[in-house]
N, C-alpha and C. Protein backbone atom coordinates (compact mmCIF):
# COMPACT_ATOMS: atom_id res chain seq x y z
N MET A 1 -46.42 78.44 -15.20
CA MET A 1 -45.22 78.04 -15.93
C MET A 1 -44.21 77.37 -15.01
N ARG A 2 -44.05 77.98 -13.84
CA ARG A 2 -43.12 77.43 -12.86
C ARG A 2 -43.61 76.08 -12.37
N MET A 3 -44.93 75.93 -12.19
CA MET A 3 -45.49 74.66 -11.73
C MET A 3 -45.25 73.58 -12.77
N ARG A 4 -45.39 73.91 -14.07
CA ARG A 4 -45.17 72.93 -15.13
C ARG A 4 -43.72 72.48 -15.15
N ARG A 5 -42.80 73.43 -14.94
CA ARG A 5 -41.38 73.07 -14.92
C ARG A 5 -41.06 72.18 -13.74
N ASN A 6 -41.63 72.48 -12.59
CA ASN A 6 -41.39 71.65 -11.40
C ASN A 6 -41.94 70.23 -11.59
N THR A 7 -43.09 70.16 -12.24
CA THR A 7 -43.68 68.84 -12.49
C THR A 7 -42.81 68.03 -13.42
N ARG A 8 -42.26 68.66 -14.46
CA ARG A 8 -41.36 67.97 -15.41
C ARG A 8 -40.10 67.50 -14.72
N THR A 9 -39.55 68.36 -13.86
CA THR A 9 -38.34 67.97 -13.12
C THR A 9 -38.61 66.79 -12.21
N LYS A 10 -39.78 66.81 -11.57
CA LYS A 10 -40.15 65.71 -10.69
C LYS A 10 -40.30 64.41 -11.45
N ILE A 11 -40.88 64.49 -12.65
CA ILE A 11 -41.04 63.29 -13.48
C ILE A 11 -39.69 62.75 -13.90
N LEU A 12 -38.73 63.64 -14.27
CA LEU A 12 -37.40 63.21 -14.67
C LEU A 12 -36.67 62.54 -13.51
N LYS A 13 -36.86 63.05 -12.28
CA LYS A 13 -36.21 62.46 -11.13
C LYS A 13 -36.77 61.09 -10.81
N GLN A 14 -38.04 60.85 -11.12
CA GLN A 14 -38.65 59.57 -10.81
C GLN A 14 -38.33 58.49 -11.84
N GLN A 15 -37.73 58.85 -12.97
CA GLN A 15 -37.39 57.86 -13.97
C GLN A 15 -36.27 56.95 -13.47
N GLY A 16 -36.38 55.57 -13.69
CA GLY A 16 -35.35 54.62 -13.28
C GLY A 16 -34.49 54.19 -14.45
N PHE A 17 -33.96 52.95 -14.34
CA PHE A 17 -33.14 52.42 -15.42
C PHE A 17 -34.01 52.06 -16.60
N THR A 18 -33.45 52.21 -17.75
CA THR A 18 -34.15 51.79 -18.95
C THR A 18 -34.02 50.28 -19.12
N LEU A 19 -34.80 49.73 -20.02
CA LEU A 19 -34.75 48.28 -20.27
C LEU A 19 -33.39 47.85 -20.79
N LEU A 20 -32.77 48.67 -21.60
CA LEU A 20 -31.44 48.34 -22.13
C LEU A 20 -30.40 48.32 -21.02
N GLU A 21 -30.51 49.30 -20.10
CA GLU A 21 -29.56 49.33 -18.98
C GLU A 21 -29.73 48.10 -18.09
N LEU A 22 -30.97 47.71 -17.83
CA LEU A 22 -31.21 46.51 -17.03
C LEU A 22 -30.68 45.26 -17.72
N LEU A 23 -30.84 45.21 -19.03
CA LEU A 23 -30.36 44.05 -19.78
C LEU A 23 -28.83 43.97 -19.73
N ILE A 24 -28.17 45.11 -19.91
CA ILE A 24 -26.70 45.12 -19.84
C ILE A 24 -26.22 44.74 -18.45
N ALA A 25 -26.87 45.27 -17.41
CA ALA A 25 -26.49 44.94 -16.04
C ALA A 25 -26.68 43.45 -15.76
N SER A 26 -27.77 42.89 -16.28
CA SER A 26 -28.02 41.46 -16.06
C SER A 26 -26.95 40.62 -16.75
N ILE A 27 -26.58 41.02 -17.96
CA ILE A 27 -25.54 40.27 -18.68
C ILE A 27 -24.21 40.33 -17.94
N ILE A 28 -23.85 41.54 -17.47
CA ILE A 28 -22.59 41.68 -16.72
C ILE A 28 -22.62 40.85 -15.44
N PHE A 29 -23.75 40.89 -14.74
CA PHE A 29 -23.87 40.09 -13.50
C PHE A 29 -23.77 38.60 -13.81
N ALA A 30 -24.41 38.15 -14.91
CA ALA A 30 -24.35 36.74 -15.27
C ALA A 30 -22.92 36.32 -15.62
N LEU A 31 -22.20 37.17 -16.37
CA LEU A 31 -20.81 36.86 -16.71
C LEU A 31 -19.94 36.77 -15.46
N MET A 32 -20.13 37.71 -14.54
CA MET A 32 -19.35 37.68 -13.29
C MET A 32 -19.68 36.42 -12.48
N ALA A 33 -20.96 36.03 -12.46
CA ALA A 33 -21.35 34.83 -11.72
C ALA A 33 -20.73 33.57 -12.34
N VAL A 34 -20.74 33.52 -13.69
CA VAL A 34 -20.14 32.36 -14.36
C VAL A 34 -18.65 32.30 -14.08
N MET A 35 -17.97 33.44 -14.15
CA MET A 35 -16.53 33.46 -13.88
C MET A 35 -16.24 33.07 -12.43
N ALA A 36 -17.05 33.57 -11.52
CA ALA A 36 -16.84 33.23 -10.10
C ALA A 36 -17.08 31.75 -9.85
N TYR A 37 -18.13 31.21 -10.46
CA TYR A 37 -18.43 29.77 -10.28
C TYR A 37 -17.33 28.92 -10.90
N GLY A 38 -16.82 29.33 -12.08
CA GLY A 38 -15.73 28.58 -12.69
C GLY A 38 -14.48 28.58 -11.81
N GLY A 39 -14.15 29.74 -11.25
CA GLY A 39 -12.99 29.78 -10.35
C GLY A 39 -13.18 28.94 -9.11
N LEU A 40 -14.41 28.98 -8.54
CA LEU A 40 -14.69 28.17 -7.36
C LEU A 40 -14.63 26.68 -7.69
N ALA A 41 -15.15 26.31 -8.88
CA ALA A 41 -15.10 24.90 -9.28
C ALA A 41 -13.67 24.43 -9.45
N ASN A 42 -12.82 25.28 -10.03
CA ASN A 42 -11.40 24.92 -10.19
C ASN A 42 -10.72 24.74 -8.84
N VAL A 43 -11.03 25.63 -7.91
CA VAL A 43 -10.46 25.51 -6.57
C VAL A 43 -10.91 24.21 -5.89
N MET A 44 -12.20 23.89 -6.02
CA MET A 44 -12.72 22.67 -5.41
C MET A 44 -12.12 21.42 -6.06
N ASP A 45 -11.97 21.46 -7.39
CA ASP A 45 -11.36 20.32 -8.09
C ASP A 45 -9.90 20.15 -7.67
N SER A 46 -9.18 21.25 -7.58
CA SER A 46 -7.77 21.18 -7.17
C SER A 46 -7.66 20.64 -5.74
N SER A 47 -8.57 21.08 -4.87
CA SER A 47 -8.55 20.60 -3.50
C SER A 47 -8.82 19.09 -3.43
N GLU A 48 -9.77 18.61 -4.24
CA GLU A 48 -10.09 17.19 -4.26
C GLU A 48 -8.93 16.38 -4.81
N ILE A 49 -8.27 16.89 -5.85
CA ILE A 49 -7.11 16.19 -6.41
C ILE A 49 -5.98 16.13 -5.39
N SER A 50 -5.78 17.22 -4.66
CA SER A 50 -4.73 17.25 -3.64
C SER A 50 -5.02 16.25 -2.52
N LYS A 51 -6.29 16.16 -2.11
CA LYS A 51 -6.66 15.22 -1.05
C LYS A 51 -6.44 13.77 -1.52
N THR A 52 -6.81 13.48 -2.78
CA THR A 52 -6.62 12.13 -3.31
C THR A 52 -5.14 11.78 -3.39
N ALA A 53 -4.33 12.72 -3.88
CA ALA A 53 -2.88 12.46 -3.98
C ALA A 53 -2.26 12.30 -2.60
N LEU A 54 -2.70 13.10 -1.64
CA LEU A 54 -2.16 12.99 -0.28
C LEU A 54 -2.52 11.65 0.35
N HIS A 55 -3.77 11.21 0.14
CA HIS A 55 -4.18 9.91 0.67
C HIS A 55 -3.38 8.78 0.02
N ARG A 56 -3.15 8.89 -1.28
CA ARG A 56 -2.38 7.87 -1.99
C ARG A 56 -0.94 7.83 -1.48
N LEU A 57 -0.35 9.00 -1.29
CA LEU A 57 1.02 9.07 -0.78
C LEU A 57 1.12 8.46 0.61
N LYS A 58 0.16 8.78 1.47
CA LYS A 58 0.16 8.22 2.83
C LYS A 58 0.00 6.71 2.78
N GLN A 59 -0.86 6.21 1.90
CA GLN A 59 -1.06 4.76 1.76
C GLN A 59 0.23 4.08 1.30
N LEU A 60 0.91 4.68 0.35
CA LEU A 60 2.15 4.11 -0.17
C LEU A 60 3.26 4.16 0.89
N GLN A 61 3.36 5.25 1.62
CA GLN A 61 4.37 5.36 2.67
C GLN A 61 4.16 4.31 3.75
N GLN A 62 2.92 4.08 4.16
CA GLN A 62 2.63 3.07 5.17
C GLN A 62 2.97 1.67 4.65
N THR A 63 2.66 1.40 3.38
CA THR A 63 2.97 0.10 2.80
C THR A 63 4.47 -0.15 2.77
N VAL A 64 5.23 0.82 2.30
CA VAL A 64 6.68 0.69 2.24
C VAL A 64 7.27 0.54 3.64
N SER A 65 6.73 1.26 4.60
CA SER A 65 7.22 1.16 5.98
C SER A 65 7.02 -0.25 6.54
N ILE A 66 5.85 -0.84 6.28
CA ILE A 66 5.58 -2.19 6.78
C ILE A 66 6.46 -3.20 6.06
N LEU A 67 6.64 -3.05 4.75
CA LEU A 67 7.54 -3.93 4.01
C LEU A 67 8.96 -3.84 4.56
N ASP A 68 9.43 -2.62 4.80
CA ASP A 68 10.78 -2.44 5.35
C ASP A 68 10.92 -3.14 6.70
N ARG A 69 9.93 -2.98 7.54
CA ARG A 69 9.98 -3.57 8.87
C ARG A 69 9.97 -5.09 8.82
N ASP A 70 9.15 -5.65 7.93
CA ASP A 70 9.04 -7.11 7.85
C ASP A 70 10.28 -7.74 7.21
N LEU A 71 10.65 -7.26 6.03
CA LEU A 71 11.69 -7.92 5.25
C LEU A 71 13.09 -7.65 5.79
N SER A 72 13.24 -6.64 6.62
CA SER A 72 14.55 -6.37 7.20
C SER A 72 14.80 -7.18 8.47
N GLN A 73 13.81 -7.97 8.92
CA GLN A 73 13.95 -8.73 10.17
C GLN A 73 13.64 -10.22 9.97
N ILE A 74 13.91 -10.73 8.76
CA ILE A 74 13.69 -12.16 8.50
C ILE A 74 14.69 -12.99 9.30
N VAL A 75 14.21 -14.05 9.93
CA VAL A 75 15.07 -14.94 10.72
C VAL A 75 14.90 -16.37 10.23
N LYS A 76 15.92 -17.19 10.52
CA LYS A 76 15.92 -18.59 10.07
C LYS A 76 15.18 -19.45 11.10
N ARG A 77 13.88 -19.37 11.08
CA ARG A 77 13.09 -20.16 12.01
C ARG A 77 11.95 -20.80 11.23
N PRO A 78 12.07 -22.11 10.88
CA PRO A 78 10.96 -22.79 10.21
C PRO A 78 9.79 -22.97 11.17
N ILE A 79 8.64 -23.32 10.61
CA ILE A 79 7.43 -23.51 11.42
C ILE A 79 6.76 -24.83 11.03
N ARG A 80 5.72 -25.16 11.77
CA ARG A 80 4.86 -26.29 11.41
C ARG A 80 3.48 -25.74 11.09
N ASP A 81 2.96 -26.20 9.94
CA ASP A 81 1.65 -25.70 9.52
C ASP A 81 0.53 -26.42 10.27
N GLU A 82 -0.70 -26.16 9.86
CA GLU A 82 -1.86 -26.73 10.55
C GLU A 82 -1.97 -28.25 10.39
N TYR A 83 -1.19 -28.81 9.46
CA TYR A 83 -1.18 -30.26 9.28
C TYR A 83 0.02 -30.92 9.95
N GLY A 84 0.82 -30.13 10.62
CA GLY A 84 1.99 -30.67 11.30
C GLY A 84 3.22 -30.79 10.43
N ASN A 85 3.16 -30.32 9.20
CA ASN A 85 4.30 -30.39 8.29
C ASN A 85 5.21 -29.19 8.50
N GLU A 86 6.51 -29.44 8.40
CA GLU A 86 7.47 -28.36 8.58
C GLU A 86 7.53 -27.49 7.33
N GLN A 87 7.48 -26.18 7.53
CA GLN A 87 7.59 -25.21 6.45
C GLN A 87 8.86 -24.39 6.64
N ALA A 88 9.50 -24.06 5.52
CA ALA A 88 10.77 -23.33 5.57
C ALA A 88 10.58 -21.96 6.20
N ALA A 89 11.69 -21.44 6.72
CA ALA A 89 11.65 -20.11 7.31
C ALA A 89 11.25 -19.06 6.28
N LEU A 90 11.64 -19.26 5.04
CA LEU A 90 11.30 -18.36 3.95
C LEU A 90 10.88 -19.19 2.74
N ALA A 91 9.70 -18.96 2.25
CA ALA A 91 9.20 -19.71 1.09
C ALA A 91 8.45 -18.75 0.18
N ALA A 92 8.68 -18.89 -1.13
CA ALA A 92 8.00 -18.03 -2.11
C ALA A 92 8.00 -18.71 -3.46
N GLY A 93 6.95 -18.48 -4.21
CA GLY A 93 6.88 -18.99 -5.57
C GLY A 93 6.28 -20.36 -5.71
N ASN A 94 6.10 -21.09 -4.61
CA ASN A 94 5.53 -22.44 -4.70
C ASN A 94 4.15 -22.51 -4.06
N ASN A 95 3.55 -21.37 -3.80
CA ASN A 95 2.21 -21.31 -3.21
C ASN A 95 1.32 -20.52 -4.15
N VAL A 96 0.17 -21.08 -4.48
CA VAL A 96 -0.71 -20.41 -5.45
C VAL A 96 -1.37 -19.17 -4.84
N ASP A 97 -1.39 -19.07 -3.53
CA ASP A 97 -2.07 -17.95 -2.88
C ASP A 97 -1.12 -16.83 -2.48
N ASN A 98 -0.04 -17.18 -1.79
CA ASN A 98 0.84 -16.17 -1.21
C ASN A 98 2.05 -15.90 -2.10
N LEU A 99 2.41 -14.63 -2.19
CA LEU A 99 3.63 -14.26 -2.90
C LEU A 99 4.86 -14.69 -2.13
N ILE A 100 4.84 -14.51 -0.83
CA ILE A 100 5.97 -14.84 0.02
C ILE A 100 5.45 -15.08 1.43
N GLU A 101 6.12 -16.00 2.14
CA GLU A 101 5.79 -16.29 3.52
C GLU A 101 7.09 -16.51 4.28
N PHE A 102 7.22 -15.93 5.48
CA PHE A 102 8.49 -16.00 6.20
C PHE A 102 8.27 -15.73 7.68
N THR A 103 9.31 -16.02 8.45
CA THR A 103 9.34 -15.72 9.88
C THR A 103 10.19 -14.49 10.10
N ARG A 104 9.70 -13.59 10.90
CA ARG A 104 10.45 -12.36 11.19
C ARG A 104 10.48 -12.13 12.69
N GLY A 105 11.49 -11.39 13.13
CA GLY A 105 11.62 -11.04 14.53
C GLY A 105 11.19 -9.62 14.78
N GLY A 106 11.44 -9.17 16.01
CA GLY A 106 11.17 -7.78 16.34
C GLY A 106 9.78 -7.49 16.83
N GLN A 107 8.96 -8.52 17.08
CA GLN A 107 7.62 -8.25 17.59
C GLN A 107 7.70 -7.75 19.03
N SER A 108 7.09 -6.63 19.29
CA SER A 108 7.11 -6.07 20.64
C SER A 108 6.19 -6.86 21.54
N SER A 109 6.57 -6.97 22.79
CA SER A 109 5.78 -7.72 23.77
C SER A 109 5.68 -6.91 25.05
N PRO A 110 4.45 -6.60 25.50
CA PRO A 110 4.29 -5.87 26.77
C PRO A 110 4.91 -6.65 27.93
N PRO A 111 5.38 -5.99 28.97
CA PRO A 111 6.00 -6.68 30.10
C PRO A 111 5.08 -7.71 30.75
N ALA A 112 3.79 -7.44 30.78
CA ALA A 112 2.86 -8.37 31.44
C ALA A 112 2.47 -9.54 30.55
N LEU A 113 2.89 -9.51 29.27
CA LEU A 113 2.49 -10.56 28.34
C LEU A 113 3.73 -11.30 27.87
N LEU A 114 3.79 -12.58 28.22
CA LEU A 114 4.93 -13.41 27.83
C LEU A 114 4.63 -14.05 26.48
N ARG A 115 5.34 -13.63 25.47
CA ARG A 115 5.18 -14.21 24.14
C ARG A 115 6.47 -14.04 23.36
N SER A 116 6.59 -14.83 22.31
CA SER A 116 7.79 -14.79 21.48
C SER A 116 7.87 -13.49 20.71
N SER A 117 9.09 -13.08 20.41
CA SER A 117 9.30 -11.89 19.58
C SER A 117 9.24 -12.22 18.10
N LEU A 118 9.04 -13.51 17.77
CA LEU A 118 8.95 -13.94 16.38
C LEU A 118 7.50 -14.01 15.93
N VAL A 119 7.28 -13.76 14.65
CA VAL A 119 5.93 -13.79 14.09
C VAL A 119 6.01 -14.29 12.66
N ARG A 120 4.96 -14.99 12.23
CA ARG A 120 4.90 -15.51 10.86
C ARG A 120 4.05 -14.56 10.02
N VAL A 121 4.62 -14.17 8.87
CA VAL A 121 4.00 -13.16 8.02
C VAL A 121 3.97 -13.67 6.58
N ALA A 122 2.96 -13.27 5.84
CA ALA A 122 2.88 -13.58 4.41
C ALA A 122 2.27 -12.39 3.68
N TYR A 123 2.57 -12.32 2.39
CA TYR A 123 1.99 -11.29 1.52
C TYR A 123 1.28 -11.97 0.36
N ARG A 124 0.13 -11.38 -0.01
CA ARG A 124 -0.70 -11.95 -1.08
C ARG A 124 -1.17 -10.83 -1.99
N PHE A 125 -1.15 -11.10 -3.30
CA PHE A 125 -1.69 -10.16 -4.29
C PHE A 125 -3.07 -10.64 -4.67
N ASP A 126 -4.09 -9.89 -4.23
CA ASP A 126 -5.49 -10.28 -4.42
C ASP A 126 -6.17 -9.24 -5.31
N GLU A 127 -6.42 -9.62 -6.57
CA GLU A 127 -6.98 -8.70 -7.57
C GLU A 127 -6.05 -7.49 -7.72
N ASP A 128 -6.44 -6.33 -7.21
CA ASP A 128 -5.57 -5.16 -7.34
C ASP A 128 -5.05 -4.69 -5.98
N LYS A 129 -5.03 -5.57 -5.00
CA LYS A 129 -4.66 -5.20 -3.63
C LYS A 129 -3.49 -6.04 -3.14
N LEU A 130 -2.64 -5.41 -2.31
CA LEU A 130 -1.58 -6.13 -1.61
C LEU A 130 -2.07 -6.38 -0.19
N VAL A 131 -2.19 -7.66 0.17
CA VAL A 131 -2.75 -8.07 1.46
C VAL A 131 -1.64 -8.66 2.31
N ARG A 132 -1.58 -8.25 3.57
CA ARG A 132 -0.62 -8.79 4.54
C ARG A 132 -1.34 -9.75 5.47
N LEU A 133 -0.75 -10.92 5.68
CA LEU A 133 -1.29 -11.93 6.58
C LEU A 133 -0.34 -12.11 7.76
N ARG A 134 -0.91 -12.24 8.94
CA ARG A 134 -0.11 -12.42 10.15
C ARG A 134 -0.79 -13.46 11.04
N TRP A 135 -0.03 -14.49 11.41
CA TRP A 135 -0.57 -15.54 12.28
C TRP A 135 -0.25 -15.24 13.74
N PRO A 136 -1.16 -15.55 14.65
CA PRO A 136 -0.93 -15.24 16.07
C PRO A 136 0.18 -16.06 16.69
N GLN A 137 0.50 -17.23 16.12
CA GLN A 137 1.57 -18.08 16.64
C GLN A 137 2.37 -18.62 15.46
N LEU A 138 3.62 -19.01 15.75
CA LEU A 138 4.46 -19.55 14.69
C LEU A 138 3.95 -20.91 14.24
N ASP A 139 3.86 -21.87 15.17
CA ASP A 139 3.36 -23.21 14.86
C ASP A 139 1.85 -23.21 14.98
N ARG A 140 1.17 -23.54 13.90
CA ARG A 140 -0.26 -23.33 13.83
C ARG A 140 -1.05 -24.53 14.33
N SER A 141 -2.15 -24.22 14.94
CA SER A 141 -3.14 -25.24 15.31
C SER A 141 -4.04 -25.49 14.12
N PRO A 142 -4.82 -26.58 14.11
CA PRO A 142 -5.63 -26.92 12.93
C PRO A 142 -6.60 -25.82 12.49
N ASN A 143 -7.18 -25.08 13.41
CA ASN A 143 -8.18 -24.09 13.04
C ASN A 143 -7.67 -22.65 13.12
N MET A 144 -6.37 -22.48 13.17
CA MET A 144 -5.81 -21.14 13.28
C MET A 144 -5.91 -20.40 11.95
N GLU A 145 -6.39 -19.18 12.00
CA GLU A 145 -6.52 -18.35 10.81
C GLU A 145 -5.64 -17.11 10.94
N ALA A 146 -5.16 -16.66 9.81
CA ALA A 146 -4.31 -15.47 9.79
C ALA A 146 -5.16 -14.20 9.80
N ARG A 147 -4.63 -13.18 10.42
CA ARG A 147 -5.27 -11.88 10.38
C ARG A 147 -4.84 -11.18 9.10
N GLN A 148 -5.81 -10.71 8.31
CA GLN A 148 -5.51 -10.09 7.02
C GLN A 148 -5.77 -8.59 7.06
N SER A 149 -4.89 -7.86 6.40
CA SER A 149 -5.07 -6.40 6.31
C SER A 149 -4.62 -5.95 4.92
N ILE A 150 -5.42 -5.09 4.31
CA ILE A 150 -5.11 -4.55 2.98
C ILE A 150 -4.17 -3.36 3.16
N LEU A 151 -3.00 -3.44 2.53
CA LEU A 151 -2.02 -2.37 2.65
C LEU A 151 -2.22 -1.28 1.60
N ILE A 152 -2.43 -1.69 0.35
CA ILE A 152 -2.56 -0.72 -0.73
C ILE A 152 -3.38 -1.35 -1.85
N ASP A 153 -4.13 -0.52 -2.57
CA ASP A 153 -4.95 -1.00 -3.68
C ASP A 153 -4.55 -0.30 -4.97
N ASN A 154 -5.35 -0.52 -6.00
CA ASN A 154 -5.09 0.05 -7.32
C ASN A 154 -3.71 -0.34 -7.84
N LEU A 155 -3.39 -1.63 -7.68
CA LEU A 155 -2.12 -2.16 -8.18
C LEU A 155 -2.36 -2.95 -9.46
N GLU A 156 -1.42 -2.83 -10.37
CA GLU A 156 -1.47 -3.65 -11.59
C GLU A 156 -0.81 -5.00 -11.36
N ASN A 157 0.29 -4.99 -10.59
CA ASN A 157 0.99 -6.24 -10.34
C ASN A 157 1.96 -6.04 -9.19
N VAL A 158 2.34 -7.17 -8.56
CA VAL A 158 3.38 -7.20 -7.52
C VAL A 158 4.31 -8.35 -7.85
N SER A 159 5.60 -8.09 -7.93
CA SER A 159 6.58 -9.13 -8.23
C SER A 159 7.68 -9.12 -7.18
N ILE A 160 8.16 -10.32 -6.85
CA ILE A 160 9.24 -10.49 -5.87
C ILE A 160 10.27 -11.45 -6.45
N ARG A 161 11.53 -11.12 -6.32
CA ARG A 161 12.59 -12.03 -6.73
C ARG A 161 13.72 -12.02 -5.71
N PHE A 162 14.59 -13.03 -5.80
CA PHE A 162 15.56 -13.30 -4.74
C PHE A 162 16.95 -13.45 -5.35
N LEU A 163 17.93 -12.83 -4.70
CA LEU A 163 19.32 -12.92 -5.12
C LEU A 163 20.00 -14.04 -4.34
N ASP A 164 20.45 -15.08 -5.05
CA ASP A 164 21.05 -16.23 -4.36
C ASP A 164 22.53 -15.98 -4.08
N GLN A 165 23.20 -16.99 -3.53
CA GLN A 165 24.60 -16.85 -3.14
C GLN A 165 25.53 -16.71 -4.34
N SER A 166 25.05 -17.06 -5.52
CA SER A 166 25.85 -16.91 -6.75
C SER A 166 25.55 -15.60 -7.47
N ASN A 167 24.84 -14.70 -6.80
CA ASN A 167 24.47 -13.40 -7.37
C ASN A 167 23.61 -13.56 -8.62
N GLU A 168 22.71 -14.53 -8.60
CA GLU A 168 21.75 -14.72 -9.67
C GLU A 168 20.35 -14.56 -9.11
N TRP A 169 19.50 -13.91 -9.88
CA TRP A 169 18.14 -13.67 -9.43
C TRP A 169 17.27 -14.89 -9.66
N GLN A 170 16.48 -15.24 -8.64
CA GLN A 170 15.57 -16.37 -8.69
C GLN A 170 14.14 -15.87 -8.47
N GLN A 171 13.20 -16.53 -9.16
CA GLN A 171 11.80 -16.13 -9.05
C GLN A 171 11.08 -16.82 -7.90
N GLN A 172 11.68 -17.85 -7.33
CA GLN A 172 11.08 -18.51 -6.18
C GLN A 172 12.18 -18.90 -5.20
N TRP A 173 11.73 -19.21 -3.96
CA TRP A 173 12.70 -19.59 -2.93
C TRP A 173 12.11 -20.68 -2.05
N PRO A 174 12.91 -21.75 -1.79
CA PRO A 174 14.24 -22.05 -2.33
C PRO A 174 14.18 -22.25 -3.85
N PRO A 175 15.25 -21.93 -4.56
CA PRO A 175 15.23 -22.05 -6.02
C PRO A 175 15.18 -23.50 -6.45
N LEU A 176 14.67 -23.74 -7.65
CA LEU A 176 14.55 -25.10 -8.15
C LEU A 176 15.92 -25.74 -8.37
N ASN A 177 16.91 -24.95 -8.76
CA ASN A 177 18.24 -25.49 -9.05
C ASN A 177 19.15 -25.51 -7.84
N ALA A 178 18.56 -25.32 -6.64
CA ALA A 178 19.39 -25.34 -5.43
C ALA A 178 19.91 -26.75 -5.18
N SER A 179 21.19 -26.87 -4.93
CA SER A 179 21.78 -28.18 -4.67
C SER A 179 21.41 -28.63 -3.27
N SER A 180 21.05 -29.87 -3.14
CA SER A 180 20.66 -30.41 -1.84
C SER A 180 21.88 -30.60 -0.96
N ALA A 181 21.87 -30.01 0.21
CA ALA A 181 22.99 -30.10 1.12
C ALA A 181 23.01 -31.46 1.81
N GLU A 182 24.19 -31.94 2.10
CA GLU A 182 24.31 -33.20 2.79
C GLU A 182 23.85 -33.04 4.24
N PRO A 183 23.06 -33.98 4.75
CA PRO A 183 22.57 -33.85 6.12
C PRO A 183 23.70 -34.01 7.13
N THR A 184 23.60 -33.25 8.20
CA THR A 184 24.56 -33.37 9.29
C THR A 184 23.94 -34.25 10.37
N THR A 185 24.68 -34.50 11.43
CA THR A 185 24.20 -35.35 12.51
C THR A 185 24.20 -34.56 13.81
N ASP A 186 23.28 -34.96 14.69
CA ASP A 186 23.22 -34.31 15.99
C ASP A 186 24.15 -35.00 16.97
N ALA A 187 24.01 -34.68 18.25
CA ALA A 187 24.91 -35.23 19.27
C ALA A 187 24.79 -36.74 19.39
N GLU A 188 23.61 -37.28 19.04
CA GLU A 188 23.40 -38.72 19.13
C GLU A 188 23.66 -39.44 17.82
N GLY A 189 24.13 -38.71 16.82
CA GLY A 189 24.44 -39.34 15.55
C GLY A 189 23.27 -39.45 14.60
N ASN A 190 22.15 -38.87 14.94
CA ASN A 190 20.99 -38.92 14.05
C ASN A 190 21.14 -37.87 12.95
N PRO A 191 20.78 -38.21 11.72
CA PRO A 191 20.91 -37.25 10.62
C PRO A 191 19.96 -36.07 10.80
N VAL A 192 20.47 -34.90 10.54
CA VAL A 192 19.69 -33.67 10.61
C VAL A 192 19.86 -32.93 9.30
N ALA A 193 18.76 -32.67 8.63
CA ALA A 193 18.82 -31.99 7.34
C ALA A 193 19.26 -30.54 7.52
N THR A 194 20.14 -30.10 6.66
CA THR A 194 20.59 -28.72 6.70
C THR A 194 19.55 -27.82 6.05
N PRO A 195 19.09 -26.78 6.73
CA PRO A 195 18.07 -25.91 6.13
C PRO A 195 18.64 -25.18 4.91
N PRO A 196 17.78 -24.84 3.95
CA PRO A 196 18.26 -24.12 2.76
C PRO A 196 18.81 -22.76 3.15
N PRO A 197 19.79 -22.26 2.42
CA PRO A 197 20.37 -20.94 2.75
C PRO A 197 19.37 -19.82 2.50
N GLN A 198 19.62 -18.72 3.16
CA GLN A 198 18.80 -17.53 2.94
C GLN A 198 19.30 -16.79 1.70
N PRO A 199 18.44 -16.07 1.01
CA PRO A 199 18.91 -15.26 -0.11
C PRO A 199 19.75 -14.09 0.39
N SER A 200 20.58 -13.57 -0.50
CA SER A 200 21.40 -12.41 -0.15
C SER A 200 20.58 -11.12 -0.14
N ALA A 201 19.57 -11.09 -1.00
CA ALA A 201 18.74 -9.88 -1.08
C ALA A 201 17.38 -10.27 -1.65
N ILE A 202 16.40 -9.42 -1.37
CA ILE A 202 15.04 -9.59 -1.90
C ILE A 202 14.63 -8.28 -2.54
N GLU A 203 14.10 -8.39 -3.75
CA GLU A 203 13.60 -7.21 -4.47
C GLU A 203 12.08 -7.30 -4.61
N VAL A 204 11.41 -6.22 -4.25
CA VAL A 204 9.96 -6.14 -4.35
C VAL A 204 9.61 -4.98 -5.29
N ILE A 205 8.77 -5.26 -6.28
CA ILE A 205 8.34 -4.24 -7.22
C ILE A 205 6.81 -4.12 -7.15
N LEU A 206 6.35 -2.95 -6.75
CA LEU A 206 4.92 -2.63 -6.75
C LEU A 206 4.62 -1.83 -8.00
N LYS A 207 3.79 -2.37 -8.86
CA LYS A 207 3.42 -1.68 -10.09
C LYS A 207 2.05 -1.02 -9.89
N LEU A 208 2.05 0.29 -9.67
CA LEU A 208 0.83 1.04 -9.41
C LEU A 208 0.21 1.50 -10.72
N ASN A 209 -1.09 1.45 -10.78
CA ASN A 209 -1.78 1.89 -11.99
C ASN A 209 -1.64 3.39 -12.21
N ASP A 210 -1.47 4.16 -11.14
CA ASP A 210 -1.44 5.62 -11.28
C ASP A 210 -0.03 6.20 -11.16
N TRP A 211 0.87 5.56 -10.41
CA TRP A 211 2.17 6.15 -10.16
C TRP A 211 3.33 5.34 -10.73
N GLY A 212 3.06 4.28 -11.46
CA GLY A 212 4.15 3.51 -12.04
C GLY A 212 4.77 2.53 -11.05
N ASP A 213 6.04 2.21 -11.26
CA ASP A 213 6.74 1.18 -10.48
C ASP A 213 7.40 1.78 -9.24
N ILE A 214 7.23 1.08 -8.12
CA ILE A 214 7.94 1.38 -6.88
C ILE A 214 8.81 0.17 -6.57
N ARG A 215 10.12 0.36 -6.58
CA ARG A 215 11.07 -0.75 -6.43
C ARG A 215 11.79 -0.63 -5.09
N ARG A 216 11.83 -1.73 -4.34
CA ARG A 216 12.50 -1.77 -3.04
C ARG A 216 13.45 -2.97 -3.01
N LEU A 217 14.65 -2.75 -2.48
CA LEU A 217 15.66 -3.80 -2.39
C LEU A 217 16.09 -3.94 -0.94
N TYR A 218 16.06 -5.20 -0.44
CA TYR A 218 16.37 -5.46 0.97
C TYR A 218 17.52 -6.46 1.06
N ALA A 219 18.54 -6.09 1.81
CA ALA A 219 19.64 -7.00 2.07
C ALA A 219 19.26 -7.92 3.23
N ILE A 220 19.51 -9.21 3.08
CA ILE A 220 19.17 -10.20 4.09
C ILE A 220 20.43 -10.62 4.81
N ARG A 221 20.40 -10.49 6.13
CA ARG A 221 21.58 -10.85 6.93
C ARG A 221 21.45 -12.28 7.45
């Protein structure tokens, strides 16, 4: 009798989980795995969105910084193009390729390198990108090409306008209605054309597809 009881107790101890218990445990484990994966996916998505926004912000900050540096240092220095024709110190709206082209100062020069502090710069809207062009010299040789760099992409549009001396906004510079100044004479009495005046201010509007309009206003001295 005692042996039979011990055998029954041993059999009861050897019994494991039932099929229902295993099924419930599997369901609970699956639910926990799904919840954990969903939380991990949300974290990864949030991290990717943050990286994209941070990259976009850095790109925009660099673009605005370069615009500030260029447009705040415009100088009245015309140039000669690759055909030998004189081009105004600031020109915009009359070129099918470039939004604006101008001469600016402030170029750093190493002590061992003798070069001008002036540089010729232009901006171009190419598809959805704002492209900056920079020529190695002010007066160009026939085969001189500009160095191009993409500042920012995913743009819907870029617009530039100019505030003239009458406090009226113009879409190009020099404006079409600008009165022609009477030429002056040099020391030998030869007529010298008076260069067109500089605008009082320049407004640049970057229309981003994702962040809307970024508006910058620059006073020209």
